[in-house]
Amino acid sequence: MIRAAIEAARTAPDGDVPVGAVVFDEDGAAVARAVNSRETTSDPTAHAEIIALRAAARVYGDGWRLEGATLAVTLEPCTMCAGALVLARVSRVVFGAWEPKTGAVGSLWDVVRDRRLMHRPQVRGGVLEDECAGILEDFFRERR
């Protein structure tokens, strides 16, 4: 699943941080994929996870609940995206690189596993971490 997110990240528009996200249904079929598009759309909420969740909700067609779905993303989600994962009732989150500055799925915060919330997805972080981090490191190295 992370490999599919890596493939998506490599298609990010020039200038946007190359983060890829793919939503899989309970059978493991990819139903939506997205990349960060904040720069190209001038939309602060255009994170890959948010765009992929919106697309998956349209595919599911029965409202906003994505129960049974897995979101795979190349970078640990931020607080906005972690909150969206909880509210969308995503069953599992798998991510590649940890994000110690803004990560909200275990690094800086752990929004998705807060026991006060009614829904808490399963989480697996650090999958293909070096490869995912490498994509980001290359992007930022070119910008400096």
Protein backbone atom coordinates (compact mmCIF):
# COMPACT_ATOMS: atom_id res chain seq x y z
CA MET A 1 0.00 0.00 0.00
CA ILE A 2 2.82 2.40 0.77
CA ARG A 3 4.36 1.62 -2.61
CA ALA A 4 1.15 2.90 -4.23
CA ALA A 5 1.39 6.06 -2.11
CA ILE A 6 5.03 6.48 -3.18
CA GLU A 7 4.00 6.20 -6.84
CA ALA A 8 1.37 8.86 -6.24
CA ALA A 9 3.88 11.15 -4.46
CA ARG A 10 6.15 11.01 -7.49
CA THR A 11 3.36 12.60 -9.57
CA ALA A 12 3.04 15.68 -7.34
CA PRO A 13 2.81 18.95 -9.25
CA ASP A 14 6.00 20.96 -9.46
CA GLY A 15 6.29 23.15 -6.37
CA ASP A 16 4.07 21.08 -4.11
CA VAL A 17 5.61 18.94 -1.39
CA PRO A 18 5.54 15.39 -2.83
CA VAL A 19 3.25 13.55 -0.45
CA GLY A 20 1.06 10.79 -1.85
CA ALA A 21 -2.02 9.19 -0.31
CA VAL A 22 -4.10 6.24 -1.46
CA VAL A 23 -7.34 4.93 0.04
CA PHE A 24 -7.95 1.19 -0.19
CA ASP A 25 -11.26 -0.54 0.41
CA GLU A 26 -11.63 -3.48 2.77
CA ASP A 27 -10.71 -5.88 -0.07
CA GLY A 28 -7.44 -4.05 -0.70
CA ALA A 29 -8.49 -2.35 -3.93
CA ALA A 30 -7.32 1.24 -4.42
CA VAL A 31 -10.38 3.48 -4.65
CA ALA A 32 -8.78 6.94 -4.52
CA ARG A 33 -5.34 8.49 -4.77
CA ALA A 34 -4.09 12.03 -4.37
CA VAL A 35 -1.06 14.23 -3.91
CA ASN A 36 -0.49 17.49 -2.06
CA SER A 37 -1.85 20.38 -4.08
CA ARG A 38 -1.65 23.33 -1.70
CA GLU A 39 0.61 25.41 -3.92
CA THR A 40 -1.11 24.69 -7.22
CA THR A 41 -4.61 25.26 -5.82
CA SER A 42 -3.79 27.97 -3.24
CA ASP A 43 -5.79 25.86 -0.77
CA PRO A 44 -4.30 25.32 2.69
CA THR A 45 -6.46 22.20 3.15
CA ALA A 46 -5.28 20.52 -0.08
CA HIS A 47 -3.20 17.88 1.68
CA ALA A 48 -2.98 14.52 -0.08
CA GLU A 49 -4.93 12.79 2.69
CA ILE A 50 -7.85 15.23 2.58
CA ILE A 51 -8.12 15.06 -1.21
CA ALA A 52 -7.95 11.25 -1.15
CA LEU A 53 -10.61 11.01 1.57
CA ARG A 54 -12.95 13.28 -0.39
CA ALA A 55 -12.47 11.19 -3.54
CA ALA A 56 -12.97 7.93 -1.63
CA ALA A 57 -16.19 9.23 -0.08
CA ARG A 58 -17.51 9.91 -3.58
CA VAL A 59 -16.57 6.36 -4.65
CA TYR A 60 -18.15 4.77 -1.56
CA GLY A 61 -21.29 6.70 -2.41
CA ASP A 62 -23.06 6.06 0.88
CA GLY A 63 -22.02 9.19 2.70
CA TRP A 64 -18.85 10.21 4.42
CA ARG A 65 -18.14 7.08 6.47
CA LEU A 66 -15.12 5.16 5.19
CA GLU A 67 -15.40 2.22 7.57
CA GLY A 68 -13.25 -0.67 6.42
CA ALA A 69 -10.96 1.65 4.45
CA THR A 70 -7.21 1.96 4.83
CA LEU A 71 -5.37 5.17 4.08
CA ALA A 72 -1.73 4.76 3.04
CA VAL A 73 0.32 7.96 2.97
CA THR A 74 4.01 8.67 2.52
CA LEU A 75 4.25 11.11 5.46
CA GLU A 76 2.75 10.99 8.94
CA PRO A 77 -0.50 13.00 8.86
CA CYS A 78 -0.77 16.42 10.51
CA THR A 79 -3.47 17.38 13.02
CA MET A 80 -5.93 18.43 10.31
CA CYS A 81 -5.53 15.17 8.43
CA ALA A 82 -5.53 13.04 11.58
CA GLY A 83 -8.79 14.67 12.62
CA ALA A 84 -10.27 14.00 9.19
CA LEU A 85 -9.24 10.34 9.43
CA VAL A 86 -11.06 10.00 12.73
CA LEU A 87 -14.16 11.84 11.52
CA ALA A 88 -14.28 9.78 8.30
CA ARG A 89 -14.11 6.60 10.39
CA VAL A 90 -11.15 5.23 8.42
CA SER A 91 -10.28 1.80 9.86
CA ARG A 92 -6.52 1.82 9.29
CA VAL A 93 -3.76 4.34 8.67
CA VAL A 94 -0.41 3.25 7.27
CA PHE A 95 2.30 5.84 6.75
CA GLY A 96 5.92 5.99 5.68
CA ALA A 97 8.07 8.78 7.08
CA TRP A 98 7.61 10.13 10.59
CA GLU A 99 7.09 13.90 10.90
CA PRO A 100 8.48 15.06 14.26
CA LYS A 101 7.59 18.73 13.65
CA THR A 102 3.88 18.39 12.83
CA GLY A 103 2.99 14.67 12.98
CA ALA A 104 -0.27 13.86 14.73
CA VAL A 105 -0.27 10.07 14.49
CA GLY A 106 2.38 9.33 17.08
CA SER A 107 5.19 11.88 16.77
CA LEU A 108 4.30 15.31 18.12
CA TRP A 109 0.69 14.35 18.91
CA ASP A 110 -1.37 11.20 18.69
CA VAL A 111 -4.78 12.46 17.66
CA VAL A 112 -6.00 9.20 16.13
CA ARG A 113 -5.44 7.15 19.29
CA ASP A 114 -6.88 9.63 21.79
CA ARG A 115 -9.07 7.51 24.08
CA ARG A 116 -11.58 10.36 24.40
CA LEU A 117 -12.61 9.92 20.78
CA MET A 118 -15.35 7.53 19.71
CA HIS A 119 -13.39 6.21 16.72
CA ARG A 120 -9.72 5.25 16.72
CA PRO A 121 -8.16 3.74 13.58
CA GLN A 122 -5.40 1.18 13.72
CA VAL A 123 -2.01 2.73 12.92
CA ARG A 124 1.21 1.45 11.46
CA GLY A 125 3.98 3.98 10.93
CA GLY A 126 7.47 3.88 9.49
CA VAL A 127 6.64 1.57 6.55
CA LEU A 128 9.32 2.05 3.87
CA GLU A 129 10.35 5.05 5.95
CA ASP A 130 13.71 5.67 4.27
CA GLU A 131 12.24 5.61 0.77
CA CYS A 132 9.40 7.95 1.74
CA ALA A 133 11.75 10.32 3.57
CA GLY A 134 14.12 10.27 0.60
CA ILE A 135 11.47 11.68 -1.72
CA LEU A 136 10.94 14.60 0.66
CA GLU A 137 14.66 15.13 1.25
CA ASP A 138 15.28 15.30 -2.51
CA PHE A 139 12.45 17.82 -2.93
CA PHE A 140 13.72 20.14 -0.21
CA ARG A 141 17.35 19.77 -1.30
CA GLU A 142 16.39 21.03 -4.77
CA ARG A 143 14.59 24.02 -3.22
CA ARG A 144 17.63 25.19 -1.23
